[in-house]
Amino acid sequence: MVAPGALATVFEQLNGLSLPDAARELARAGVPVFPCAPGEKTPLVPSGFQQATDDLRRVQGWWRWQPTANIGIPTGAASGLVVIDIDVHGANGYASYARAARAGLIPEPLATVTTPTGGRHAYFPADPAQEQRSWAVGKAGVDCRGDGGYIIAPSSVRMLDGARIPYRVEQVAAGLVKPVDAVRLRNFLAPAPPRRPMPENRRVAGREDADRLAAWLARQVKGDRNYKLFWAACRLAEGNVPVSDALDALVRAEQPDFGEREITRTVYSAYRSVGDATKHRERPAPSSRAAAGFTRHAAQRSASRSRGLA
């Protein structure tokens, strides 16, 4: 894990560097990086962030091959960085972040970075004593990029409405920094709903079921994947699996065209649908063409609300 002091030093330099130089300096400081599509967030290398490295020869070779490639950093234990992503699309992430800060849940970040879409990335050192998973709370406009995720780093750029807008380092901490408790933060932003009483003859689903459904969902092809996600989330909600556990599992089905924000919105929609229903029935497993056991009309409403948020 890279020392926070070394990270602060390299972040102070990033704004003035070209993409190849920024990638090189991050790697030289011990931060693994990988190339993403110019002006975009999609990885350019097979397996994406799993190929990230701080090997200078490989990093320099990547950016000689594609000098305008954006810079991806894997988050969590892989880099020693956890990033809290403040969004402004559909929810006021700044208000949620400020509310959590007033509650004492957010220490001073190692660095803050402005994003091309008007949000912020707050970088924190990862906690070496515990796993810190990625999660998203769409209704709060706040995401966490931890183990299993990645972030686009300065001085990368996005192409928005024909303009090149960079990620820019806004502030770097001058003193000691400490990890953010991402689990407490998520529970503050999205408290678990009260558990519903269940009939005695009803089987209670558990985390094992969530993991199994997530693995099944990740194998599905593009097309009816959102319907199947809605079905899987309804099944977990009916089994009284906490929504946080369902999100932890199902978000692992993320694909380049099937992002965390879309998954999160659909899972919350399914949990609301189950909570509002007056009668529940067991649903059969969906076929390979479409998820069965719930109406396509309900799933389409969920999918339409989710599109464009990933």
C-alpha atoms as a PDB file:
ATOM      1  CA  MET A   1       0.000   0.000   0.000  1.00  0.00           C
ATOM      2  CA  VAL A   2       1.289   3.445  -0.934  1.00  0.00           C
ATOM      3  CA  ALA A   3       1.955   5.872   1.931  1.00  0.00           C
ATOM      4  CA  PRO A   4      -0.628   8.707   2.039  1.00  0.00           C
ATOM      5  CA  GLY A   5       2.179  11.272   2.066  1.00  0.00           C
ATOM      6  CA  ALA A   6       3.550   9.965  -1.229  1.00  0.00           C
ATOM      7  CA  LEU A   7       0.061   9.997  -2.719  1.00  0.00           C
ATOM      8  CA  ALA A   8      -0.513  13.585  -1.634  1.00  0.00           C
ATOM      9  CA  THR A   9       2.744  14.616  -3.290  1.00  0.00           C
ATOM     10  CA  VAL A  10       1.882  13.024  -6.624  1.00  0.00           C
ATOM     11  CA  PHE A  11      -1.685  14.384  -6.596  1.00  0.00           C
ATOM     12  CA  GLU A  12      -0.301  17.912  -6.196  1.00  0.00           C
ATOM     13  CA  GLN A  13       1.472  17.474  -9.561  1.00  0.00           C
ATOM     14  CA  LEU A  14      -1.273  15.945 -11.683  1.00  0.00           C
ATOM     15  CA  ASN A  15      -3.109  19.036 -12.959  1.00  0.00           C
ATOM     16  CA  GLY A  16      -0.187  20.256 -15.032  1.00  0.00           C
ATOM     17  CA  LEU A  17       0.792  16.925 -16.563  1.00  0.00           C
ATOM     18  CA  SER A  18      -0.054  15.287 -19.877  1.00  0.00           C
ATOM     19  CA  LEU A  19      -1.897  11.973 -19.705  1.00  0.00           C
ATOM     20  CA  PRO A  20       1.240   9.861 -20.358  1.00  0.00           C
ATOM     21  CA  ASP A  21       3.190  11.833 -17.737  1.00  0.00           C
ATOM     22  CA  ALA A  22       0.374  11.639 -15.177  1.00  0.00           C
ATOM     23  CA  ALA A  23       0.094   7.866 -15.665  1.00  0.00           C
ATOM     24  CA  ARG A  24       3.847   7.530 -15.289  1.00  0.00           C
ATOM     25  CA  GLU A  25       4.003   9.601 -12.087  1.00  0.00           C
ATOM     26  CA  LEU A  26       1.146   7.673 -10.486  1.00  0.00           C
ATOM     27  CA  ALA A  27       2.861   4.381 -11.317  1.00  0.00           C
ATOM     28  CA  ARG A  28       6.191   5.724 -10.072  1.00  0.00           C
ATOM     29  CA  ALA A  29       4.511   6.513  -6.733  1.00  0.00           C
ATOM     30  CA  GLY A  30       3.293   2.914  -6.535  1.00  0.00           C
ATOM     31  CA  VAL A  31      -0.302   3.493  -7.702  1.00  0.00           C
ATOM     32  CA  PRO A  32      -1.420   0.830 -10.219  1.00  0.00           C
ATOM     33  CA  VAL A  33      -3.035   2.282 -13.344  1.00  0.00           C
ATOM     34  CA  PHE A  34      -4.583   1.049 -16.600  1.00  0.00           C
ATOM     35  CA  PRO A  35      -5.687   2.809 -19.811  1.00  0.00           C
ATOM     36  CA  CYS A  36      -9.287   3.757 -20.570  1.00  0.00           C
ATOM     37  CA  ALA A  37     -10.827   4.956 -23.827  1.00  0.00           C
ATOM     38  CA  PRO A  38      -9.911   8.548 -24.737  1.00  0.00           C
ATOM     39  CA  GLY A  39     -12.589  10.896 -23.436  1.00  0.00           C
ATOM     40  CA  GLU A  40     -14.454   7.975 -21.835  1.00  0.00           C
ATOM     41  CA  LYS A  41     -14.434   5.617 -18.839  1.00  0.00           C
ATOM     42  CA  THR A  42     -14.350   2.237 -20.598  1.00  0.00           C
ATOM     43  CA  PRO A  43     -11.156   0.164 -20.108  1.00  0.00           C
ATOM     44  CA  LEU A  44      -8.998  -0.356 -23.193  1.00  0.00           C
ATOM     45  CA  VAL A  45      -7.371  -3.565 -21.972  1.00  0.00           C
ATOM     46  CA  PRO A  46      -8.961  -7.005 -21.469  1.00  0.00           C
ATOM     47  CA  SER A  47     -10.182  -7.590 -17.894  1.00  0.00           C
ATOM     48  CA  GLY A  48     -10.061  -3.827 -17.292  1.00  0.00           C
ATOM     49  CA  PHE A  49      -8.875  -2.751 -13.856  1.00  0.00           C
ATOM     50  CA  GLN A  50      -7.649  -6.257 -13.087  1.00  0.00           C
ATOM     51  CA  GLN A  51      -4.752  -5.523 -15.468  1.00  0.00           C
ATOM     52  CA  ALA A  52      -3.708  -2.380 -13.560  1.00  0.00           C
ATOM     53  CA  THR A  53      -0.034  -2.194 -12.712  1.00  0.00           C
ATOM     54  CA  ASP A  54       2.648   0.159 -11.418  1.00  0.00           C
ATOM     55  CA  ASP A  55       5.277  -1.430 -13.663  1.00  0.00           C
ATOM     56  CA  LEU A  56       6.758   1.594 -15.429  1.00  0.00           C
ATOM     57  CA  ARG A  57       7.736  -0.246 -18.596  1.00  0.00           C
ATOM     58  CA  ARG A  58       4.219  -1.563 -19.105  1.00  0.00           C
ATOM     59  CA  VAL A  59       2.551   1.728 -18.189  1.00  0.00           C
ATOM     60  CA  GLN A  60       4.747   3.718 -20.558  1.00  0.00           C
ATOM     61  CA  GLY A  61       4.087   1.152 -23.294  1.00  0.00           C
ATOM     62  CA  TRP A  62       0.344   1.532 -22.872  1.00  0.00           C
ATOM     63  CA  TRP A  63       0.472   5.330 -23.197  1.00  0.00           C
ATOM     64  CA  ARG A  64       2.883   5.196 -26.151  1.00  0.00           C
ATOM     65  CA  TRP A  65       0.284   2.995 -27.819  1.00  0.00           C
ATOM     66  CA  GLN A  66      -2.573   5.353 -26.863  1.00  0.00           C
ATOM     67  CA  PRO A  67      -1.247   8.763 -25.687  1.00  0.00           C
ATOM     68  CA  THR A  68      -4.750  10.202 -25.183  1.00  0.00           C
ATOM     69  CA  ALA A  69      -5.995   7.301 -23.051  1.00  0.00           C
ATOM     70  CA  ASN A  70      -7.681   8.256 -19.802  1.00  0.00           C
ATOM     71  CA  ILE A  71      -6.180   6.935 -16.569  1.00  0.00           C
ATOM     72  CA  GLY A  72      -7.985   4.322 -14.514  1.00  0.00           C
ATOM     73  CA  ILE A  73      -7.038   3.448 -10.935  1.00  0.00           C
ATOM     74  CA  PRO A  74      -8.417   0.294  -9.253  1.00  0.00           C
ATOM     75  CA  THR A  75      -9.841   1.171  -5.860  1.00  0.00           C
ATOM     76  CA  GLY A  76      -9.673  -0.655  -2.553  1.00  0.00           C
ATOM     77  CA  ALA A  77      -6.803  -2.888  -1.501  1.00  0.00           C
ATOM     78  CA  ALA A  78      -5.336  -2.944  -5.027  1.00  0.00           C
ATOM     79  CA  SER A  79      -4.273   0.711  -4.827  1.00  0.00           C
ATOM     80  CA  GLY A  80      -4.743   1.610  -1.172  1.00  0.00           C
ATOM     81  CA  LEU A  81      -7.395   4.158  -2.152  1.00  0.00           C
ATOM     82  CA  VAL A  82     -11.112   4.369  -1.432  1.00  0.00           C
ATOM     83  CA  VAL A  83     -13.042   7.079  -3.278  1.00  0.00           C
ATOM     84  CA  ILE A  84     -16.374   8.619  -2.300  1.00  0.00           C
ATOM     85  CA  ASP A  85     -18.081   9.789  -5.492  1.00  0.00           C
ATOM     86  CA  ILE A  86     -20.433  12.770  -5.128  1.00  0.00           C
ATOM     87  CA  ASP A  87     -22.935  12.950  -7.987  1.00  0.00           C
ATOM     88  CA  VAL A  88     -25.402  15.616  -9.074  1.00  0.00           C
ATOM     89  CA  HIS A  89     -27.568  13.623 -11.496  1.00  0.00           C
ATOM     90  CA  GLY A  90     -30.999  12.878 -10.089  1.00  0.00           C
ATOM     91  CA  ALA A  91     -29.981  13.606  -6.490  1.00  0.00           C
ATOM     92  CA  ASN A  92     -28.000  16.262  -4.626  1.00  0.00           C
ATOM     93  CA  GLY A  93     -24.913  14.316  -3.624  1.00  0.00           C
ATOM     94  CA  TYR A  94     -23.331  17.406  -2.111  1.00  0.00           C
ATOM     95  CA  ALA A  95     -26.173  17.767   0.405  1.00  0.00           C
ATOM     96  CA  SER A  96     -25.915  14.089   1.364  1.00  0.00           C
ATOM     97  CA  TYR A  97     -22.140  14.321   1.714  1.00  0.00           C
ATOM     98  CA  ALA A  98     -22.410  17.461   3.871  1.00  0.00           C
ATOM     99  CA  ARG A  99     -25.027  15.810   6.077  1.00  0.00           C
ATOM    100  CA  ALA A 100     -22.732  12.812   6.612  1.00  0.00           C
ATOM    101  CA  ALA A 101     -19.784  15.115   7.333  1.00  0.00           C
ATOM    102  CA  ARG A 102     -21.808  16.968   9.987  1.00  0.00           C
ATOM    103  CA  ALA A 103     -22.567  13.596  11.558  1.00  0.00           C
ATOM    104  CA  GLY A 104     -18.830  12.963  11.898  1.00  0.00           C
ATOM    105  CA  LEU A 105     -18.735  10.166   9.316  1.00  0.00           C
ATOM    106  CA  ILE A 106     -16.336  11.735   6.816  1.00  0.00           C
ATOM    107  CA  PRO A 107     -12.795  12.725   7.807  1.00  0.00           C
ATOM    108  CA  GLU A 108     -10.641  15.082   5.780  1.00  0.00           C
ATOM    109  CA  PRO A 109      -9.930  13.516   2.368  1.00  0.00           C
ATOM    110  CA  LEU A 110      -6.433  12.848   1.119  1.00  0.00           C
ATOM    111  CA  ALA A 111      -7.451  14.732  -2.035  1.00  0.00           C
ATOM    112  CA  THR A 112     -10.594  16.048  -3.699  1.00  0.00           C
ATOM    113  CA  VAL A 113     -11.006  16.027  -7.474  1.00  0.00           C
ATOM    114  CA  THR A 114     -13.626  17.854  -9.538  1.00  0.00           C
ATOM    115  CA  THR A 115     -15.266  15.705 -12.210  1.00  0.00           C
ATOM    116  CA  PRO A 116     -16.312  16.835 -15.702  1.00  0.00           C
ATOM    117  CA  THR A 117     -20.016  16.377 -14.880  1.00  0.00           C
ATOM    118  CA  GLY A 118     -19.980  18.694 -11.840  1.00  0.00           C
ATOM    119  CA  GLY A 119     -19.382  16.148  -9.100  1.00  0.00           C
ATOM    120  CA  ARG A 120     -16.468  15.477  -6.758  1.00  0.00           C
ATOM    121  CA  HIS A 121     -14.249  12.512  -5.971  1.00  0.00           C
ATOM    122  CA  ALA A 122     -13.008  12.431  -2.378  1.00  0.00           C
ATOM    123  CA  TYR A 123      -9.951  10.158  -2.047  1.00  0.00           C
ATOM    124  CA  PHE A 124      -9.193   8.395   1.249  1.00  0.00           C
ATOM    125  CA  PRO A 125      -6.560   5.852   2.255  1.00  0.00           C
ATOM    126  CA  ALA A 126      -7.975   2.325   2.313  1.00  0.00           C
ATOM    127  CA  ASP A 127      -8.277   0.598   5.671  1.00  0.00           C
ATOM    128  CA  PRO A 128      -5.777  -2.302   5.581  1.00  0.00           C
ATOM    129  CA  ALA A 129      -7.620  -4.055   8.424  1.00  0.00           C
ATOM    130  CA  GLN A 130     -10.862  -4.685   6.556  1.00  0.00           C
ATOM    131  CA  GLU A 131     -12.377  -5.173   3.132  1.00  0.00           C
ATOM    132  CA  GLN A 132     -14.112  -2.072   1.801  1.00  0.00           C
ATOM    133  CA  ARG A 133     -16.558  -2.989  -0.949  1.00  0.00           C
ATOM    134  CA  SER A 134     -17.912  -0.709  -3.633  1.00  0.00           C
ATOM    135  CA  TRP A 135     -21.515   0.422  -3.243  1.00  0.00           C
ATOM    136  CA  ALA A 136     -23.939   3.003  -4.595  1.00  0.00           C
ATOM    137  CA  VAL A 137     -26.775   4.885  -2.902  1.00  0.00           C
ATOM    138  CA  GLY A 138     -28.502   6.412  -5.910  1.00  0.00           C
ATOM    139  CA  LYS A 139     -31.177   8.241  -3.939  1.00  0.00           C
ATOM    140  CA  ALA A 140     -28.447  10.065  -1.987  1.00  0.00           C
ATOM    141  CA  GLY A 141     -26.223  10.781  -4.994  1.00  0.00           C
ATOM    142  CA  VAL A 142     -23.225   9.190  -3.269  1.00  0.00           C
ATOM    143  CA  ASP A 143     -21.221   6.132  -4.350  1.00  0.00           C
ATOM    144  CA  CYS A 144     -18.224   4.387  -2.822  1.00  0.00           C
ATOM    145  CA  ARG A 145     -15.477   2.989  -5.010  1.00  0.00           C
ATOM    146  CA  GLY A 146     -13.632   0.344  -3.031  1.00  0.00           C
ATOM    147  CA  ASP A 147     -12.680  -3.282  -3.598  1.00  0.00           C
ATOM    148  CA  GLY A 148     -13.895  -4.462  -6.984  1.00  0.00           C
ATOM    149  CA  GLY A 149     -14.176  -0.968  -8.473  1.00  0.00           C
ATOM    150  CA  TYR A 150     -12.134   1.692 -10.224  1.00  0.00           C
ATOM    151  CA  ILE A 151     -12.033   5.441 -10.689  1.00  0.00           C
ATOM    152  CA  ILE A 152     -10.923   7.788 -13.479  1.00  0.00           C
ATOM    153  CA  ALA A 153      -7.990   9.880 -12.267  1.00  0.00           C
ATOM    154  CA  PRO A 154      -6.694  13.364 -13.082  1.00  0.00           C
ATOM    155  CA  SER A 155      -5.603  14.557 -15.611  1.00  0.00           C
ATOM    156  CA  SER A 156      -8.068  12.457 -17.603  1.00  0.00           C
ATOM    157  CA  VAL A 157     -10.733  14.219 -19.672  1.00  0.00           C
ATOM    158  CA  ARG A 158     -14.317  13.520 -20.741  1.00  0.00           C
ATOM    159  CA  MET A 159     -15.820  14.576 -24.030  1.00  0.00           C
ATOM    160  CA  LEU A 160     -19.132  16.252 -23.183  1.00  0.00           C
ATOM    161  CA  ASP A 161     -21.128  18.180 -25.789  1.00  0.00           C
ATOM    162  CA  GLY A 162     -18.034  18.384 -27.954  1.00  0.00           C
ATOM    163  CA  ALA A 163     -15.853  19.880 -25.211  1.00  0.00           C
ATOM    164  CA  ARG A 164     -12.866  18.292 -23.460  1.00  0.00           C
ATOM    165  CA  ILE A 165     -13.425  18.716 -19.723  1.00  0.00           C
ATOM    166  CA  PRO A 166     -10.728  17.460 -17.351  1.00  0.00           C
ATOM    167  CA  TYR A 167     -10.731  15.838 -13.953  1.00  0.00           C
ATOM    168  CA  ARG A 168      -8.849  18.351 -11.805  1.00  0.00           C
ATOM    169  CA  VAL A 169      -7.280  18.089  -8.385  1.00  0.00           C
ATOM    170  CA  GLU A 170      -9.036  20.671  -6.257  1.00  0.00           C
ATOM    171  CA  GLN A 171      -7.383  20.205  -2.873  1.00  0.00           C
ATOM    172  CA  VAL A 172      -4.763  18.010  -1.219  1.00  0.00           C
ATOM    173  CA  ALA A 173      -4.567  17.425   2.540  1.00  0.00           C
ATOM    174  CA  ALA A 174      -1.647  19.061   4.279  1.00  0.00           C
ATOM    175  CA  GLY A 175      -1.523  16.743   7.286  1.00  0.00           C
ATOM    176  CA  LEU A 176      -2.359  13.234   8.386  1.00  0.00           C
ATOM    177  CA  VAL A 177      -5.432  11.568   6.941  1.00  0.00           C
ATOM    178  CA  LYS A 178      -7.376   8.500   7.976  1.00  0.00           C
ATOM    179  CA  PRO A 179      -9.716   6.039   6.250  1.00  0.00           C
ATOM    180  CA  VAL A 180     -13.429   6.656   5.874  1.00  0.00           C
ATOM    181  CA  ASP A 181     -15.740   4.065   7.450  1.00  0.00           C
ATOM    182  CA  ALA A 182     -17.590   3.229   4.255  1.00  0.00           C
ATOM    183  CA  VAL A 183     -19.955   0.753   5.918  1.00  0.00           C
ATOM    184  CA  ARG A 184     -21.164   3.298   8.475  1.00  0.00           C
ATOM    185  CA  LEU A 185     -21.480   5.911   5.744  1.00  0.00           C
ATOM    186  CA  ARG A 186     -23.647   3.644   3.584  1.00  0.00           C
ATOM    187  CA  ASN A 187     -25.853   2.701   6.529  1.00  0.00           C
ATOM    188  CA  PHE A 188     -26.282   6.395   7.348  1.00  0.00           C
ATOM    189  CA  LEU A 189     -27.247   7.290   3.782  1.00  0.00           C
ATOM    190  CA  ALA A 190     -29.468   4.233   3.232  1.00  0.00           C
ATOM    191  CA  PRO A 191     -30.745   2.876   6.562  1.00  0.00           C
ATOM    192  CA  ALA A 192     -31.976  -0.685   6.343  1.00  0.00           C
ATOM    193  CA  PRO A 193     -35.784  -0.902   6.153  1.00  0.00           C
ATOM    194  CA  PRO A 194     -37.546  -2.471   9.131  1.00  0.00           C
ATOM    195  CA  ARG A 195     -37.778  -6.212   8.785  1.00  0.00           C
ATOM    196  CA  ARG A 196     -41.218  -7.457   7.848  1.00  0.00           C
ATOM    197  CA  PRO A 197     -42.899 -10.325   9.677  1.00  0.00           C
ATOM    198  CA  MET A 198     -43.063 -13.427   7.501  1.00  0.00           C
ATOM    199  CA  PRO A 199     -45.260 -16.504   7.470  1.00  0.00           C
ATOM    200  CA  GLU A 200     -43.695 -19.415   9.299  1.00  0.00           C
ATOM    201  CA  ASN A 201     -43.867 -21.646   6.224  1.00  0.00           C
ATOM    202  CA  ARG A 202     -41.910 -19.185   4.101  1.00  0.00           C
ATOM    203  CA  ARG A 203     -38.237 -19.832   3.493  1.00  0.00           C
ATOM    204  CA  VAL A 204     -35.994 -16.913   4.423  1.00  0.00           C
ATOM    205  CA  ALA A 205     -33.446 -16.085   1.745  1.00  0.00           C
ATOM    206  CA  GLY A 206     -29.938 -15.211   2.845  1.00  0.00           C
ATOM    207  CA  ARG A 207     -26.633 -13.792   1.623  1.00  0.00           C
ATOM    208  CA  GLU A 208     -25.859 -17.118  -0.021  1.00  0.00           C
ATOM    209  CA  ASP A 209     -28.958 -16.697  -2.204  1.00  0.00           C
ATOM    210  CA  ALA A 210     -27.899 -13.145  -3.062  1.00  0.00           C
ATOM    211  CA  ASP A 211     -24.450 -14.313  -4.148  1.00  0.00           C
ATOM    212  CA  ARG A 212     -25.955 -17.130  -6.204  1.00  0.00           C
ATOM    213  CA  LEU A 213     -28.381 -14.784  -7.968  1.00  0.00           C
ATOM    214  CA  ALA A 214     -25.583 -12.261  -8.623  1.00  0.00           C
ATOM    215  CA  ALA A 215     -23.437 -14.955 -10.263  1.00  0.00           C
ATOM    216  CA  TRP A 216     -26.410 -16.038 -12.407  1.00  0.00           C
ATOM    217  CA  LEU A 217     -27.194 -12.455 -13.385  1.00  0.00           C
ATOM    218  CA  ALA A 218     -23.593 -11.768 -14.435  1.00  0.00           C
ATOM    219  CA  ARG A 219     -23.881 -14.564 -17.012  1.00  0.00           C
ATOM    220  CA  GLN A 220     -26.929 -13.047 -18.708  1.00  0.00           C
ATOM    221  CA  VAL A 221     -26.667 -11.375 -22.091  1.00  0.00           C
ATOM    222  CA  LYS A 222     -27.627  -7.829 -22.936  1.00  0.00           C
ATOM    223  CA  GLY A 223     -31.336  -7.341 -23.608  1.00  0.00           C
ATOM    224  CA  ASP A 224     -33.557  -8.578 -20.822  1.00  0.00           C
ATOM    225  CA  ARG A 225     -30.919  -8.273 -18.089  1.00  0.00           C
ATOM    226  CA  ASN A 226     -32.775  -5.494 -16.270  1.00  0.00           C
ATOM    227  CA  TYR A 227     -35.929  -7.609 -16.084  1.00  0.00           C
ATOM    228  CA  LYS A 228     -33.937 -10.441 -14.557  1.00  0.00           C
ATOM    229  CA  LEU A 229     -32.283  -8.073 -12.093  1.00  0.00           C
ATOM    230  CA  PHE A 230     -35.711  -6.848 -11.015  1.00  0.00           C
ATOM    231  CA  TRP A 231     -36.880 -10.450 -10.564  1.00  0.00           C
ATOM    232  CA  ALA A 232     -33.777 -11.355  -8.531  1.00  0.00           C
ATOM    233  CA  ALA A 233     -34.117  -8.283  -6.288  1.00  0.00           C
ATOM    234  CA  CYS A 234     -37.829  -9.011  -5.699  1.00  0.00           C
ATOM    235  CA  ARG A 235     -36.946 -12.551  -4.684  1.00  0.00           C
ATOM    236  CA  LEU A 236     -34.392 -11.288  -2.153  1.00  0.00           C
ATOM    237  CA  ALA A 237     -36.783  -8.632  -0.821  1.00  0.00           C
ATOM    238  CA  GLU A 238     -39.471 -11.261  -0.293  1.00  0.00           C
ATOM    239  CA  GLY A 239     -36.906 -13.371   1.539  1.00  0.00           C
ATOM    240  CA  ASN A 240     -36.200 -10.478   3.922  1.00  0.00           C
ATOM    241  CA  VAL A 241     -32.611 -10.052   2.763  1.00  0.00           C
ATOM    242  CA  PRO A 242     -31.491  -6.523   3.790  1.00  0.00           C
ATOM    243  CA  VAL A 243     -31.267  -4.216   0.805  1.00  0.00           C
ATOM    244  CA  SER A 244     -27.612  -3.463   1.647  1.00  0.00           C
ATOM    245  CA  ASP A 245     -26.734  -7.174   1.362  1.00  0.00           C
ATOM    246  CA  ALA A 246     -28.668  -7.458  -1.904  1.00  0.00           C
ATOM    247  CA  LEU A 247     -26.786  -4.450  -3.331  1.00  0.00           C
ATOM    248  CA  ASP A 248     -23.411  -5.772  -2.179  1.00  0.00           C
ATOM    249  CA  ALA A 249     -24.046  -8.984  -4.102  1.00  0.00           C
ATOM    250  CA  LEU A 250     -25.957  -7.816  -7.171  1.00  0.00           C
ATOM    251  CA  VAL A 251     -23.652  -4.886  -7.954  1.00  0.00           C
ATOM    252  CA  ARG A 252     -21.008  -7.479  -8.849  1.00  0.00           C
ATOM    253  CA  ALA A 253     -23.009  -8.172 -12.017  1.00  0.00           C
ATOM    254  CA  GLU A 254     -21.877  -4.755 -13.316  1.00  0.00           C
ATOM    255  CA  GLN A 255     -20.921  -4.641 -17.013  1.00  0.00           C
ATOM    256  CA  PRO A 256     -19.678  -1.748 -19.187  1.00  0.00           C
ATOM    257  CA  ASP A 257     -23.273  -1.231 -20.408  1.00  0.00           C
ATOM    258  CA  PHE A 258     -24.913  -2.192 -17.106  1.00  0.00           C
ATOM    259  CA  GLY A 259     -23.540   0.112 -14.419  1.00  0.00           C
ATOM    260  CA  GLU A 260     -23.764   0.303 -10.638  1.00  0.00           C
ATOM    261  CA  ARG A 261     -26.209   3.201 -10.690  1.00  0.00           C
ATOM    262  CA  GLU A 262     -28.664   1.332 -12.911  1.00  0.00           C
ATOM    263  CA  ILE A 263     -28.363  -1.780 -10.752  1.00  0.00           C
ATOM    264  CA  THR A 264     -28.878   0.226  -7.559  1.00  0.00           C
ATOM    265  CA  ARG A 265     -31.948   2.034  -8.875  1.00  0.00           C
ATOM    266  CA  THR A 266     -33.546  -1.226 -10.050  1.00  0.00           C
ATOM    267  CA  VAL A 267     -32.848  -2.999  -6.744  1.00  0.00           C
ATOM    268  CA  TYR A 268     -34.466  -0.170  -4.755  1.00  0.00           C
ATOM    269  CA  SER A 269     -37.432  -0.207  -7.141  1.00  0.00           C
ATOM    270  CA  ALA A 270     -37.876  -3.945  -6.581  1.00  0.00           C
ATOM    271  CA  TYR A 271     -37.704  -3.572  -2.810  1.00  0.00           C
ATOM    272  CA  ARG A 272     -40.302  -0.794  -2.927  1.00  0.00           C
ATOM    273  CA  SER A 273     -42.530  -2.912  -5.157  1.00  0.00           C
ATOM    274  CA  VAL A 274     -42.411  -5.843  -2.763  1.00  0.00           C
ATOM    275  CA  GLY A 275     -42.911  -3.613   0.271  1.00  0.00           C
ATOM    276  CA  ASP A 276     -45.975  -1.948  -1.246  1.00  0.00           C
ATOM    277  CA  ALA A 277     -47.643  -5.152  -2.391  1.00  0.00           C
ATOM    278  CA  THR A 278     -50.507  -6.521  -0.309  1.00  0.00           C
ATOM    279  CA  LYS A 279     -50.011 -10.104  -1.440  1.00  0.00           C
ATOM    280  CA  HIS A 280     -46.823 -11.988  -2.284  1.00  0.00           C
ATOM    281  CA  ARG A 281     -46.381 -15.256  -4.085  1.00  0.00           C
ATOM    282  CA  GLU A 282     -43.325 -17.330  -4.884  1.00  0.00           C
ATOM    283  CA  ARG A 283     -41.964 -16.602  -8.325  1.00  0.00           C
ATOM    284  CA  PRO A 284     -40.645 -19.304 -10.671  1.00  0.00           C
ATOM    285  CA  ALA A 285     -37.144 -18.861 -12.050  1.00  0.00           C
ATOM    286  CA  PRO A 286     -37.114 -16.812 -15.275  1.00  0.00           C
ATOM    287  CA  SER A 287     -36.385 -18.374 -18.632  1.00  0.00           C
ATOM    288  CA  SER A 288     -33.389 -17.367 -20.689  1.00  0.00           C
ATOM    289  CA  ARG A 289     -35.637 -15.019 -22.687  1.00  0.00           C
ATOM    290  CA  ALA A 290     -37.252 -13.068 -19.876  1.00  0.00           C
ATOM    291  CA  ALA A 291     -37.669 -13.082 -16.117  1.00  0.00           C
ATOM    292  CA  ALA A 292     -40.976 -14.609 -15.124  1.00  0.00           C
ATOM    293  CA  GLY A 293     -43.128 -14.233 -12.015  1.00  0.00           C
ATOM    294  CA  PHE A 294     -43.610 -10.481 -12.240  1.00  0.00           C
ATOM    295  CA  THR A 295     -45.246  -8.329 -14.876  1.00  0.00           C
ATOM    296  CA  ARG A 296     -43.152  -6.983 -17.712  1.00  0.00           C
ATOM    297  CA  HIS A 297     -44.973  -3.682 -17.300  1.00  0.00           C
ATOM    298  CA  ALA A 298     -43.577  -3.212 -13.778  1.00  0.00           C
ATOM    299  CA  ALA A 299     -40.061  -4.093 -14.901  1.00  0.00           C
ATOM    300  CA  GLN A 300     -40.267  -1.700 -17.851  1.00  0.00           C
ATOM    301  CA  ARG A 301     -41.172   1.144 -15.483  1.00  0.00           C
ATOM    302  CA  SER A 302     -38.102   0.295 -13.393  1.00  0.00           C
ATOM    303  CA  ALA A 303     -35.838   0.049 -16.435  1.00  0.00           C
ATOM    304  CA  SER A 304     -37.003   3.367 -17.871  1.00  0.00           C
ATOM    305  CA  ARG A 305     -36.231   5.078 -14.572  1.00  0.00           C
ATOM    306  CA  SER A 306     -32.767   3.536 -14.556  1.00  0.00           C
ATOM    307  CA  ARG A 307     -31.604   4.269 -18.103  1.00  0.00           C
ATOM    308  CA  GLY A 308     -28.950   6.930 -18.524  1.00  0.00           C
ATOM    309  CA  LEU A 309     -27.793   6.839 -14.877  1.00  0.00           C
ATOM    310  CA  ALA A 310     -24.869   4.426 -15.125  1.00  0.00           C
END
